[in-house]
Amino acid sequence: MLIGGGSGIFPLMSMLRHRRRALPEVPVRLLYSVRSPDDVFYRSELGEETTITYTRRTPERWTGDTGRIGAALVGRLAWPDGMAYICGPNGFVER
């Protein structure tokens, strides 16, 4: 599981690209928190393994996740015995 907030997506995308090339059979999920649609980096590369949550403003007709990443959202997406990598601003990672 890869969990990123804001610019924390940069190192996670490197990991995701490598996994896609070298180990495509290994399951992965990317949980990506952004403030608004304008803040989504790598939009064209994000695949079906990606869940985005918007914290301030959503796209029109958005029916997906909103708000900060918390235990409930991670619990819904994470595998019971999985490993997670978290990248983002200090307040995001320490939370």
Protein backbone atom coordinates (compact mmCIF):
# COMPACT_ATOMS: atom_id res chain seq x y z
CA MET A 1 0.00 0.00 0.00
CA LEU A 2 1.32 3.41 -0.96
CA ILE A 3 -0.17 6.39 0.88
CA GLY A 4 0.69 9.90 -0.25
CA GLY A 5 -0.33 13.41 0.52
CA GLY A 6 0.37 16.31 -1.81
CA SER A 7 3.97 16.28 -3.05
CA GLY A 8 4.49 12.95 -1.25
CA ILE A 9 3.26 11.40 -4.50
CA PHE A 10 6.66 11.95 -6.16
CA PRO A 11 8.63 9.13 -4.44
CA LEU A 12 5.57 6.89 -4.47
CA MET A 13 5.17 7.23 -8.24
CA SER A 14 8.76 6.09 -8.64
CA MET A 15 7.93 2.98 -6.60
CA LEU A 16 4.69 2.40 -8.53
CA ARG A 17 6.43 2.71 -11.91
CA HIS A 18 9.09 0.23 -10.84
CA ARG A 19 6.47 -2.22 -9.60
CA ARG A 20 4.54 -1.94 -12.84
CA ARG A 21 7.68 -2.74 -14.87
CA ALA A 22 9.42 -5.33 -12.70
CA LEU A 23 6.67 -7.02 -10.68
CA PRO A 24 3.31 -6.47 -12.36
CA GLU A 25 1.86 -9.54 -10.61
CA VAL A 26 2.39 -8.01 -7.15
CA PRO A 27 -0.79 -6.27 -5.94
CA VAL A 28 -0.52 -2.62 -5.01
CA ARG A 29 -2.85 0.18 -3.98
CA LEU A 30 -2.14 3.88 -4.02
CA LEU A 31 -4.12 6.14 -1.71
CA TYR A 32 -3.53 9.75 -2.72
CA SER A 33 -4.76 12.79 -0.80
CA VAL A 34 -4.97 16.15 -2.58
CA ARG A 35 -6.63 19.47 -1.83
CA SER A 36 -8.36 19.94 -5.17
CA PRO A 37 -8.50 18.58 -8.73
CA ASP A 38 -5.89 21.16 -9.74
CA ASP A 39 -3.42 19.56 -7.31
CA VAL A 40 -3.40 16.05 -8.81
CA PHE A 41 0.10 15.24 -10.07
CA TYR A 42 0.62 12.41 -12.61
CA ARG A 43 -3.06 12.40 -13.53
CA SER A 44 -2.44 10.53 -16.79
CA GLU A 45 -0.41 7.80 -15.03
CA LEU A 46 -2.80 7.04 -12.20
CA GLY A 47 -4.47 3.70 -12.77
CA GLU A 48 -7.21 1.61 -11.28
CA GLU A 49 -4.99 0.84 -8.29
CA THR A 50 -5.37 4.48 -7.26
CA THR A 51 -7.90 5.95 -4.84
CA ILE A 52 -7.94 9.74 -4.57
CA THR A 53 -9.44 11.65 -1.70
CA TYR A 54 -10.01 15.40 -2.00
CA THR A 55 -9.69 17.48 1.16
CA ARG A 56 -10.91 20.92 0.05
CA ARG A 57 -12.60 20.91 -3.35
CA THR A 58 -13.81 18.01 -5.47
CA PRO A 59 -14.35 17.70 -9.21
CA GLU A 60 -17.89 18.27 -10.44
CA ARG A 61 -20.17 15.31 -9.75
CA TRP A 62 -17.49 13.59 -7.64
CA THR A 63 -18.83 10.52 -5.84
CA GLY A 64 -15.52 9.23 -4.50
CA ASP A 65 -13.74 9.78 -1.22
CA THR A 66 -13.41 13.18 0.44
CA GLY A 67 -11.66 14.42 3.55
CA ARG A 68 -8.36 13.59 5.15
CA ILE A 69 -6.97 10.10 5.15
CA GLY A 70 -7.88 8.33 8.38
CA ALA A 71 -8.10 4.87 9.87
CA ALA A 72 -11.48 4.08 8.28
CA LEU A 73 -10.30 4.83 4.74
CA VAL A 74 -7.00 2.99 5.17
CA GLY A 75 -8.83 0.07 6.80
CA ARG A 76 -11.18 -0.19 3.83
CA LEU A 77 -8.33 -0.31 1.29
CA ALA A 78 -5.43 -2.03 3.06
CA TRP A 79 -4.71 -5.74 3.07
CA PRO A 80 -4.63 -7.29 6.56
CA ASP A 81 -1.02 -8.46 6.28
CA GLY A 82 0.20 -5.78 3.92
CA MET A 83 3.00 -3.28 4.16
CA ALA A 84 2.53 0.48 3.76
CA TYR A 85 4.79 3.30 2.63
CA ILE A 86 3.66 6.80 3.57
CA CYS A 87 5.04 10.02 2.06
CA GLY A 88 3.95 13.60 2.47
CA PRO A 89 4.38 16.69 4.62
CA ASN A 90 5.41 16.08 8.26
CA GLY A 91 1.91 16.71 9.62
CA PHE A 92 0.47 14.20 7.17
CA VAL A 93 2.98 11.45 7.91
CA GLU A 94 3.04 11.92 11.69
CA ARG A 95 -0.72 11.85 12.00
